[in-house]
Amino acid sequence: MPLLTIKDLAKTYRQPDGTPHRVVDVAEFALGAGEQRALRGESGSGKTTFLHLIAGILAADAGSIRLDDRDLTALGEAARDRVRAESIGYIFQTFNLLQGHTVLENVELGMAFGRGVDRARAGALLKRVGLGDKLAHFPRQLSTGQQQRVAVARALAHRPKLVLADEPTGNLDARNAREALALIREVCREEGAALLLVSHDEAVLAQFEAVQDFAALNRALQTT
């Protein structure tokens, strides 16, 4: 059985004039444990909404999202938050690091809402991503590429089964983007986590063996 199974997933927003706008309408999607796949999608295609639905950040209007055979769409917001804290890692394009906390504290906070803080593991992960000498630094004292490495360590800190990455190299130059992507994939493999990445960058997508077009999945794009 796949780690992630989605059926008839839908999300609709109201436009300013009150008319409904279907953003996500995915009939079927599945991802295996430990699998790494990329979704190709342009800006405004609904791919970020799709990831937010999987992560439980947004509630679906219809359909089911089963993670490890647990139906996330049947859960309330607090329960979805607990599942995310325990089983899902999220790497954002803007990193979302807390500027008032050190590098080490940022990773520890990624653990705090799940199984609990493990300072030794946080430090080991930061060392693994090449930041062992930056534990006491603040995000503003790091380069953009180094901040992305903190975000990778934070996303993997609580040993998630699934890592979601939303344009994770969008704020990096070409060299740092290649390095960051290689690091994300390598650390996910080492940790046994499945990876679902969305991007519009063909250079990023070319590094994946498995790539799907989100437009082919999302029926909402095919009816507009």
Protein backbone atom coordinates (compact mmCIF):
# COMPACT_ATOMS: atom_id res chain seq x y z
CA MET A 1 0.00 0.00 0.00
CA PRO A 2 1.38 3.47 -0.89
CA LEU A 3 2.44 5.84 1.87
CA LEU A 4 0.23 8.62 0.43
CA THR A 5 -3.04 8.03 -1.40
CA ILE A 6 -5.33 10.80 -2.68
CA LYS A 7 -8.77 10.38 -4.22
CA ASP A 8 -11.18 13.00 -5.58
CA LEU A 9 -9.47 15.84 -3.73
CA ALA A 10 -11.07 19.26 -4.24
CA LYS A 11 -10.56 22.79 -2.97
CA THR A 12 -12.59 25.84 -4.04
CA TYR A 13 -12.13 29.50 -3.12
CA ARG A 14 -14.54 32.40 -3.49
CA GLN A 15 -13.38 35.16 -5.83
CA PRO A 16 -13.90 38.83 -4.86
CA ASP A 17 -17.19 38.91 -6.79
CA GLY A 18 -18.40 35.86 -4.86
CA THR A 19 -18.16 33.33 -7.68
CA PRO A 20 -16.52 30.00 -6.83
CA HIS A 21 -13.10 29.19 -8.27
CA ARG A 22 -11.98 25.55 -8.16
CA VAL A 23 -8.23 25.53 -7.49
CA VAL A 24 -7.56 21.83 -6.93
CA ASP A 25 -9.48 18.90 -8.39
CA VAL A 26 -7.31 15.76 -8.34
CA ALA A 27 -8.98 12.43 -9.05
CA GLU A 28 -6.15 10.18 -7.96
CA PHE A 29 -2.56 10.40 -6.76
CA ALA A 30 -0.26 8.03 -4.89
CA LEU A 31 3.29 8.11 -3.56
CA GLY A 32 5.21 5.16 -2.19
CA ALA A 33 7.24 5.02 1.01
CA GLY A 34 10.72 6.38 0.34
CA GLU A 35 9.77 7.45 -3.20
CA GLN A 36 11.01 10.75 -4.64
CA ARG A 37 8.85 12.53 -7.19
CA ALA A 38 8.61 16.01 -8.68
CA LEU A 39 5.50 17.80 -9.89
CA ARG A 40 5.87 20.31 -12.71
CA GLY A 41 3.57 23.29 -12.33
CA GLU A 42 3.52 26.97 -13.24
CA SER A 43 2.76 29.76 -10.78
CA GLY A 44 -0.94 29.92 -10.05
CA SER A 45 -1.56 26.31 -11.07
CA GLY A 46 -2.69 25.29 -7.58
CA LYS A 47 0.37 23.20 -6.72
CA THR A 48 1.06 25.05 -3.46
CA THR A 49 -2.58 24.60 -2.44
CA PHE A 50 -2.20 20.89 -3.27
CA LEU A 51 0.80 20.61 -0.92
CA HIS A 52 -1.00 22.58 1.79
CA LEU A 53 -3.93 20.18 1.58
CA ILE A 54 -1.61 17.18 1.94
CA ALA A 55 0.14 18.83 4.89
CA GLY A 56 -3.16 19.61 6.59
CA ILE A 57 -2.49 23.34 6.55
CA LEU A 58 -5.71 23.71 4.55
CA ALA A 59 -8.89 21.66 4.87
CA ALA A 60 -10.20 19.98 1.73
CA ASP A 61 -13.74 20.59 0.49
CA ALA A 62 -14.08 17.00 -0.72
CA GLY A 63 -12.11 13.82 -1.24
CA SER A 64 -9.62 11.89 0.87
CA ILE A 65 -5.94 12.13 1.74
CA ARG A 66 -4.61 8.98 3.35
CA LEU A 67 -1.14 9.11 4.87
CA ASP A 68 0.08 5.76 6.11
CA ASP A 69 -3.56 4.63 5.78
CA ARG A 70 -4.88 7.40 8.03
CA ASP A 71 -7.51 9.69 6.48
CA LEU A 72 -6.34 13.24 7.14
CA THR A 73 -9.50 14.76 5.65
CA ALA A 74 -11.53 13.17 8.44
CA LEU A 75 -9.54 15.06 11.09
CA GLY A 76 -10.08 18.47 12.62
CA GLU A 77 -7.47 21.23 12.44
CA ALA A 78 -5.75 20.35 15.74
CA ALA A 79 -5.50 16.67 14.80
CA ARG A 80 -4.10 17.55 11.36
CA ASP A 81 -1.51 19.74 13.08
CA ARG A 82 -0.45 16.78 15.22
CA VAL A 83 -0.07 14.52 12.18
CA ARG A 84 2.03 17.17 10.46
CA ALA A 85 4.21 17.59 13.54
CA GLU A 86 4.80 13.85 13.74
CA SER A 87 4.88 12.62 10.15
CA ILE A 88 5.31 15.45 7.61
CA GLY A 89 8.28 17.72 6.93
CA TYR A 90 7.77 20.89 4.89
CA ILE A 91 10.46 22.88 3.06
CA PHE A 92 9.17 26.29 2.01
CA GLN A 93 10.55 28.51 -0.74
CA THR A 94 10.95 31.37 1.73
CA PHE A 95 12.44 29.03 4.38
CA ASN A 96 10.21 30.49 7.18
CA LEU A 97 13.04 30.55 9.72
CA LEU A 98 12.46 32.41 12.99
CA GLN A 99 14.85 35.34 12.92
CA GLY A 100 14.96 35.78 16.70
CA HIS A 101 16.18 32.22 17.29
CA THR A 102 19.51 30.59 16.60
CA VAL A 103 20.09 27.98 13.93
CA LEU A 104 20.00 25.22 16.54
CA GLU A 105 16.83 26.60 18.13
CA ASN A 106 15.10 26.77 14.75
CA VAL A 107 15.70 23.05 14.23
CA GLU A 108 14.69 22.20 17.80
CA LEU A 109 11.44 24.13 17.36
CA GLY A 110 10.72 21.90 14.39
CA MET A 111 10.74 18.99 16.84
CA ALA A 112 8.85 20.64 19.67
CA PHE A 113 5.32 19.92 18.45
CA GLY A 114 6.03 16.30 17.55
CA ARG A 115 7.86 13.65 19.52
CA GLY A 116 9.86 16.19 21.53
CA VAL A 117 13.14 18.05 21.29
CA ASP A 118 16.31 16.03 20.79
CA ARG A 119 19.21 18.47 20.91
CA ALA A 120 21.78 15.85 19.95
CA ARG A 121 19.84 14.93 16.81
CA ALA A 122 19.31 18.59 15.90
CA GLY A 123 23.03 19.23 16.20
CA ALA A 124 23.88 16.09 14.23
CA LEU A 125 21.54 17.07 11.39
CA LEU A 126 23.01 20.55 11.21
CA LYS A 127 26.46 19.04 11.07
CA ARG A 128 25.23 16.70 8.32
CA VAL A 129 24.11 19.67 6.20
CA GLY A 130 27.43 21.45 6.73
CA LEU A 131 26.43 23.87 9.50
CA GLY A 132 28.02 22.25 12.52
CA ASP A 133 29.97 25.44 13.22
CA LYS A 134 26.90 27.72 12.89
CA LEU A 135 24.68 26.41 15.69
CA ALA A 136 24.71 29.66 17.64
CA HIS A 137 24.30 31.88 14.58
CA PHE A 138 21.04 33.64 13.75
CA PRO A 139 19.46 33.23 10.30
CA ARG A 140 20.36 36.80 9.33
CA GLN A 141 24.02 35.92 9.82
CA LEU A 142 23.84 33.16 7.20
CA SER A 143 23.90 33.21 3.42
CA THR A 144 20.72 32.33 1.55
CA GLY A 145 22.11 28.89 0.73
CA GLN A 146 22.97 28.27 4.38
CA GLN A 147 19.48 29.31 5.46
CA GLN A 148 18.05 26.73 3.05
CA ARG A 149 20.24 24.08 4.72
CA VAL A 150 18.75 25.02 8.10
CA ALA A 151 15.29 24.60 6.57
CA VAL A 152 16.25 21.13 5.31
CA ALA A 153 17.54 20.09 8.74
CA ARG A 154 14.38 21.42 10.41
CA ALA A 155 12.11 19.56 7.99
CA LEU A 156 13.88 16.25 8.70
CA ALA A 157 14.44 16.75 12.43
CA HIS A 158 11.34 14.90 13.65
CA ARG A 159 11.92 11.90 11.35
CA PRO A 160 8.92 12.48 9.05
CA LYS A 161 7.63 9.80 6.72
CA LEU A 162 6.89 12.39 4.04
CA VAL A 163 8.75 15.58 3.07
CA LEU A 164 6.96 18.21 0.98
CA ALA A 165 9.08 20.81 -0.83
CA ASP A 166 7.46 23.87 -2.44
CA GLU A 167 9.85 25.51 -4.95
CA PRO A 168 12.65 24.95 -2.40
CA THR A 169 15.36 26.36 -4.69
CA GLY A 170 13.38 29.36 -5.92
CA ASN A 171 15.43 31.89 -3.94
CA LEU A 172 18.83 30.37 -4.75
CA ASP A 173 21.27 30.94 -7.58
CA ALA A 174 21.94 28.07 -9.98
CA ARG A 175 24.93 26.61 -8.12
CA ASN A 176 23.30 26.78 -4.69
CA ALA A 177 20.06 25.41 -6.17
CA ARG A 178 21.85 22.31 -7.48
CA GLU A 179 23.62 21.78 -4.18
CA ALA A 180 20.47 22.32 -2.11
CA LEU A 181 18.42 19.92 -4.22
CA ALA A 182 21.11 17.24 -4.07
CA LEU A 183 21.25 17.69 -0.30
CA ILE A 184 17.45 17.46 0.11
CA ARG A 185 17.30 14.25 -1.90
CA GLU A 186 20.30 12.69 -0.18
CA VAL A 187 19.12 13.45 3.36
CA CYS A 188 15.61 12.17 2.55
CA ARG A 189 17.14 8.91 1.29
CA GLU A 190 19.30 8.60 4.40
CA GLU A 191 16.30 9.20 6.65
CA GLY A 192 13.96 6.94 4.66
CA ALA A 193 11.49 9.77 3.98
CA ALA A 194 9.42 10.05 0.82
CA LEU A 195 9.85 13.34 -1.05
CA LEU A 196 7.25 15.23 -3.08
CA LEU A 197 8.66 18.40 -4.65
CA VAL A 198 6.86 20.95 -6.80
CA SER A 199 8.66 23.32 -9.15
CA HIS A 200 8.38 25.18 -12.42
CA ASP A 201 12.17 25.16 -12.92
CA GLU A 202 13.17 22.70 -15.64
CA ALA A 203 16.73 22.54 -14.28
CA VAL A 204 15.32 21.29 -10.97
CA LEU A 205 12.88 18.88 -12.58
CA ALA A 206 15.63 17.43 -14.78
CA GLN A 207 17.34 16.05 -11.68
CA PHE A 208 14.38 13.77 -10.88
CA GLU A 209 13.81 10.37 -12.42
CA ALA A 210 10.05 10.62 -11.76
CA VAL A 211 8.30 13.82 -12.88
CA GLN A 212 4.56 14.44 -13.33
CA ASP A 213 2.76 17.42 -14.84
CA PHE A 214 0.44 18.89 -12.25
CA ALA A 215 -1.77 20.20 -15.06
CA ALA A 216 -2.45 16.58 -16.08
CA LEU A 217 -3.46 15.73 -12.50
CA ASN A 218 -5.50 18.79 -11.70
CA ARG A 219 -8.86 18.73 -13.46
CA ALA A 220 -9.51 22.29 -12.28
CA LEU A 221 -6.90 23.48 -14.81
CA GLN A 222 -8.53 21.52 -17.59
CA THR A 223 -11.93 23.15 -17.18
CA THR A 224 -10.86 26.81 -17.03
